[in-house]
Amino acid sequence: MKTLLLRLEGPMQSWGTTSRFTERDTGLEPSKSGIIGLICSAMGKPRMENSGDNGAWPQLSRLTGLRMGVRVDRPGNVGVDFQTAGGGKFGLRKYGVARADGSGCDTVMSWRYYLQDASFLVGLESDDYKLLQTLHVALSEPVWPLFLGRKSYVPSTPVYMPDGLQDGGLIAVLSRYPLSMSMAGEKVEKVRVILDHPSDRGGEVRVDLPLDFALRRFGVRHVRVEWIVVSGF
């Protein structure tokens, strides 16, 4: 069994799963759809499945089949941005977001939630070494820019980890890998870990399993939460 590690750390992150319009939520840790989307960006894999790729990229079902775990090294704090689109004039013309009935335009307000100064270690477990190796190489030289949930939220630490392809299962690797260097001097005894969990054994429900990025279709994923002691810095 192998586990691929990714470091997600930055001033701002957002991992929303429920909203698309004026109020944009964020989860307290990375979603599976967000992580798979990040990997697809690294590979240059298009949203549309089977779009003449001739097997150039792994199928989405193979990626979602990877067992994921998220170690919360630093949970960060939830913040919110109040933003507007439109309003005022562009030259002599009124500027705004067009109304559905075509009668004019309005100013649209939105509230966008995010995590401040959070740090996560994400693990993807599989016995398919070739697939994990492909993903590891892609993360080292991403085709498209990598971001933490939103395009303006860039990592402060590389997502790619040179030693990120580790021998061992998910729990073992997440338990032994050192905490982020940015946490030097902080006293940490236990950290929270969110793990994929078989659906027939209960667990918490998350609707963040990507089925079709082009059509924005997502399925149910079950997770369980554990607390683990990790190695030092």
Protein backbone atom coordinates (compact mmCIF):
# COMPACT_ATOMS: atom_id res chain seq x y z
CA MET A 1 0.00 0.00 0.00
CA LYS A 2 1.21 3.53 -0.86
CA THR A 3 0.08 6.98 0.23
CA LEU A 4 0.58 10.23 -1.69
CA LEU A 5 0.87 13.37 0.45
CA LEU A 6 -0.05 16.96 -0.44
CA ARG A 7 0.60 20.03 1.70
CA LEU A 8 -2.18 22.64 1.62
CA GLU A 9 -1.12 25.80 3.39
CA GLY A 10 -1.76 29.46 2.70
CA PRO A 11 -3.15 32.75 4.01
CA MET A 12 -6.61 31.90 2.62
CA GLN A 13 -8.36 28.67 1.58
CA SER A 14 -11.97 27.85 0.76
CA TRP A 15 -13.51 24.41 0.33
CA GLY A 16 -17.21 25.01 -0.25
CA THR A 17 -19.59 22.16 -1.06
CA THR A 18 -23.13 23.53 -0.83
CA SER A 19 -23.41 26.98 -2.43
CA ARG A 20 -22.98 28.48 -5.88
CA PHE A 21 -24.61 31.90 -5.71
CA THR A 22 -24.48 34.90 -3.38
CA GLU A 23 -23.39 33.07 -0.21
CA ARG A 24 -20.27 30.95 -0.75
CA ASP A 25 -19.53 28.56 2.10
CA THR A 26 -16.35 26.82 3.14
CA GLY A 27 -15.82 23.53 4.94
CA LEU A 28 -13.42 23.33 7.86
CA GLU A 29 -11.08 21.11 5.83
CA PRO A 30 -10.44 20.35 2.14
CA SER A 31 -13.25 18.57 0.29
CA LYS A 32 -12.67 15.55 -1.89
CA SER A 33 -14.01 17.39 -4.92
CA GLY A 34 -11.51 20.18 -4.23
CA ILE A 35 -8.56 17.79 -3.96
CA ILE A 36 -9.51 15.83 -7.09
CA GLY A 37 -10.00 19.12 -8.93
CA LEU A 38 -6.54 20.28 -7.83
CA ILE A 39 -5.01 17.05 -9.12
CA CYS A 40 -6.85 17.41 -12.43
CA SER A 41 -5.40 20.93 -12.76
CA ALA A 42 -1.91 19.58 -12.15
CA MET A 43 -2.38 16.99 -14.92
CA GLY A 44 -4.15 19.37 -17.31
CA LYS A 45 -7.16 17.04 -17.35
CA PRO A 46 -10.25 18.78 -18.83
CA ARG A 47 -13.59 18.91 -17.05
CA MET A 48 -15.29 16.96 -19.82
CA GLU A 49 -14.65 13.25 -19.46
CA ASN A 50 -13.62 11.31 -22.61
CA SER A 51 -13.09 14.49 -24.60
CA GLY A 52 -10.77 12.87 -27.13
CA ASP A 53 -8.10 12.20 -24.55
CA ASN A 54 -7.21 8.72 -25.86
CA GLY A 55 -6.31 7.60 -22.35
CA ALA A 56 -4.01 10.56 -21.70
CA TRP A 57 -5.45 11.01 -18.20
CA PRO A 58 -6.87 8.63 -15.59
CA GLN A 59 -10.65 8.38 -15.56
CA LEU A 60 -12.38 10.43 -12.88
CA SER A 61 -13.71 7.24 -11.28
CA ARG A 62 -10.12 6.08 -10.67
CA LEU A 63 -9.28 9.33 -8.94
CA THR A 64 -12.38 9.37 -6.75
CA GLY A 65 -11.63 5.74 -5.81
CA LEU A 66 -8.49 6.83 -3.96
CA ARG A 67 -9.03 6.74 -0.21
CA MET A 68 -8.51 10.23 1.20
CA GLY A 69 -7.51 11.44 4.63
CA VAL A 70 -7.01 15.03 5.81
CA ARG A 71 -4.81 15.84 8.79
CA VAL A 72 -5.64 19.21 10.30
CA ASP A 73 -2.27 20.53 11.45
CA ARG A 74 -3.61 24.05 11.97
CA PRO A 75 -7.39 24.61 11.62
CA GLY A 76 -7.16 28.35 11.05
CA ASN A 77 -10.09 30.74 11.52
CA VAL A 78 -13.17 31.35 9.42
CA GLY A 79 -13.37 34.76 7.74
CA VAL A 80 -15.80 36.34 5.29
CA ASP A 81 -15.46 38.79 2.40
CA PHE A 82 -18.34 41.03 1.37
CA GLN A 83 -18.12 41.62 -2.38
CA THR A 84 -20.16 43.39 -5.03
CA ALA A 85 -20.38 43.01 -8.80
CA GLY A 86 -21.62 45.92 -10.85
CA GLY A 87 -22.85 49.31 -9.74
CA GLY A 88 -22.04 52.78 -10.96
CA LYS A 89 -21.09 53.51 -14.55
CA PHE A 90 -18.56 52.29 -17.08
CA GLY A 91 -17.90 55.43 -19.08
CA LEU A 92 -21.36 56.83 -19.76
CA ARG A 93 -23.03 53.43 -19.61
CA LYS A 94 -24.55 51.99 -16.46
CA TYR A 95 -22.61 48.93 -15.35
CA GLY A 96 -24.03 45.92 -13.53
CA VAL A 97 -25.20 42.31 -13.71
CA ALA A 98 -27.96 41.82 -16.28
CA ARG A 99 -31.43 40.89 -15.04
CA ALA A 100 -32.92 37.63 -16.30
CA ASP A 101 -35.79 39.44 -18.04
CA GLY A 102 -33.41 41.76 -19.88
CA SER A 103 -34.94 44.88 -18.36
CA GLY A 104 -31.66 46.29 -17.08
CA CYS A 105 -28.88 45.53 -14.65
CA ASP A 106 -28.32 45.49 -10.90
CA THR A 107 -25.57 45.44 -8.33
CA VAL A 108 -25.14 41.90 -6.98
CA MET A 109 -23.81 41.33 -3.47
CA SER A 110 -22.08 38.18 -2.23
CA TRP A 111 -20.62 36.85 1.02
CA ARG A 112 -17.62 34.56 0.56
CA TYR A 113 -16.36 32.53 3.51
CA TYR A 114 -12.81 31.22 3.78
CA LEU A 115 -10.23 29.78 6.18
CA GLN A 116 -7.40 32.01 7.38
CA ASP A 117 -3.88 30.68 7.97
CA ALA A 118 -4.87 27.00 7.94
CA SER A 119 -2.50 24.10 7.26
CA PHE A 120 -3.53 20.63 6.10
CA LEU A 121 -1.73 17.44 5.17
CA VAL A 122 -3.80 15.43 2.68
CA GLY A 123 -3.13 11.75 2.01
CA LEU A 124 -4.40 9.65 -0.92
CA GLU A 125 -4.07 5.91 -0.37
CA SER A 126 -4.01 3.20 -3.05
CA ASP A 127 -2.34 -0.06 -3.99
CA ASP A 128 -2.06 1.33 -7.55
CA TYR A 129 1.52 2.58 -7.34
CA LYS A 130 1.64 3.63 -10.99
CA LEU A 131 -1.36 5.93 -10.57
CA LEU A 132 0.03 7.60 -7.44
CA GLN A 133 3.39 8.02 -9.15
CA THR A 134 1.67 9.70 -12.11
CA LEU A 135 -0.07 12.13 -9.76
CA HIS A 136 3.13 12.82 -7.85
CA VAL A 137 4.98 13.75 -11.05
CA ALA A 138 2.07 15.94 -12.20
CA LEU A 139 2.11 17.89 -8.93
CA SER A 140 5.82 18.61 -9.39
CA GLU A 141 5.21 20.26 -12.79
CA PRO A 142 1.55 21.33 -12.90
CA VAL A 143 0.02 22.11 -16.28
CA TRP A 144 -2.40 24.66 -14.81
CA PRO A 145 -1.93 26.80 -11.67
CA LEU A 146 -2.77 25.17 -8.36
CA PHE A 147 -4.93 27.04 -5.87
CA LEU A 148 -6.63 26.35 -2.56
CA GLY A 149 -10.30 26.21 -3.47
CA ARG A 150 -10.51 29.57 -5.27
CA LYS A 151 -8.25 30.90 -7.99
CA SER A 152 -7.10 33.88 -5.92
CA TYR A 153 -6.12 31.67 -2.96
CA VAL A 154 -2.58 30.60 -3.80
CA PRO A 155 -0.48 28.27 -1.62
CA SER A 156 2.28 29.78 0.53
CA THR A 157 4.03 26.37 0.58
CA PRO A 158 4.32 24.09 -2.48
CA VAL A 159 1.53 21.53 -2.71
CA TYR A 160 4.09 19.11 -4.17
CA MET A 161 6.23 17.32 -1.60
CA PRO A 162 9.45 15.69 -2.90
CA ASP A 163 9.09 12.89 -0.33
CA GLY A 164 5.30 12.82 -0.68
CA LEU A 165 5.05 9.31 -2.12
CA GLN A 166 5.27 7.18 1.01
CA ASP A 167 5.18 3.47 1.77
CA GLY A 168 2.35 2.46 4.07
CA GLY A 169 -1.36 2.96 4.64
CA LEU A 170 -3.14 6.24 5.19
CA ILE A 171 -3.29 6.27 9.00
CA ALA A 172 0.30 5.11 9.43
CA VAL A 173 1.69 7.74 7.06
CA LEU A 174 -0.40 10.59 8.47
CA SER A 175 0.64 9.59 11.99
CA ARG A 176 4.36 9.53 11.33
CA TYR A 177 4.87 12.42 8.92
CA PRO A 178 6.17 15.56 10.73
CA LEU A 179 4.02 18.62 11.23
CA SER A 180 4.45 21.63 8.98
CA MET A 181 7.66 23.61 9.50
CA SER A 182 5.50 26.73 9.77
CA MET A 183 4.31 25.37 13.12
CA ALA A 184 7.75 25.31 14.72
CA GLY A 185 7.45 26.45 18.31
CA GLU A 186 3.76 25.64 18.58
CA LYS A 187 2.74 23.04 21.15
CA VAL A 188 0.61 20.35 19.51
CA GLU A 189 -0.41 17.14 21.28
CA LYS A 190 -3.10 15.69 19.01
CA VAL A 191 -4.51 16.62 15.63
CA ARG A 192 -7.83 15.88 13.97
CA VAL A 193 -7.95 13.53 10.97
CA ILE A 194 -10.91 13.12 8.61
CA LEU A 195 -10.88 9.77 6.78
CA ASP A 196 -12.93 8.20 4.00
CA HIS A 197 -15.12 5.54 5.59
CA PRO A 198 -17.14 2.65 4.10
CA SER A 199 -20.77 3.66 3.64
CA ASP A 200 -22.07 0.44 5.17
CA ARG A 201 -20.40 1.31 8.47
CA GLY A 202 -22.09 4.64 9.00
CA GLY A 203 -20.04 7.75 9.46
CA GLU A 204 -20.66 11.40 8.65
CA VAL A 205 -22.10 12.23 5.21
CA ARG A 206 -20.38 14.67 2.85
CA VAL A 207 -21.80 15.48 -0.61
CA ASP A 208 -18.44 16.20 -2.22
CA LEU A 209 -17.62 13.15 -4.34
CA PRO A 210 -17.18 14.44 -7.91
CA LEU A 211 -19.10 12.41 -10.50
CA ASP A 212 -18.94 14.88 -13.39
CA PHE A 213 -17.11 18.20 -13.17
CA ALA A 214 -18.56 19.46 -16.45
CA LEU A 215 -22.15 18.94 -15.27
CA ARG A 216 -21.33 19.76 -11.63
CA ARG A 217 -22.68 16.44 -10.38
CA PHE A 218 -21.55 15.22 -6.95
CA GLY A 219 -22.25 12.09 -4.95
CA VAL A 220 -22.24 11.14 -1.27
CA ARG A 221 -19.07 10.30 0.63
CA HIS A 222 -18.89 8.93 4.19
CA VAL A 223 -16.15 9.99 6.58
CA ARG A 224 -15.09 9.39 10.15
CA VAL A 225 -13.08 11.65 12.47
CA GLU A 226 -10.14 10.51 14.57
CA TRP A 227 -7.56 12.21 16.77
CA ILE A 228 -3.94 11.10 16.39
CA VAL A 229 -0.54 11.90 17.88
CA VAL A 230 2.02 12.80 15.20
CA SER A 231 5.79 12.93 15.01
CA GLY A 232 7.72 16.08 15.87
CA PHE A 233 8.88 18.79 13.52
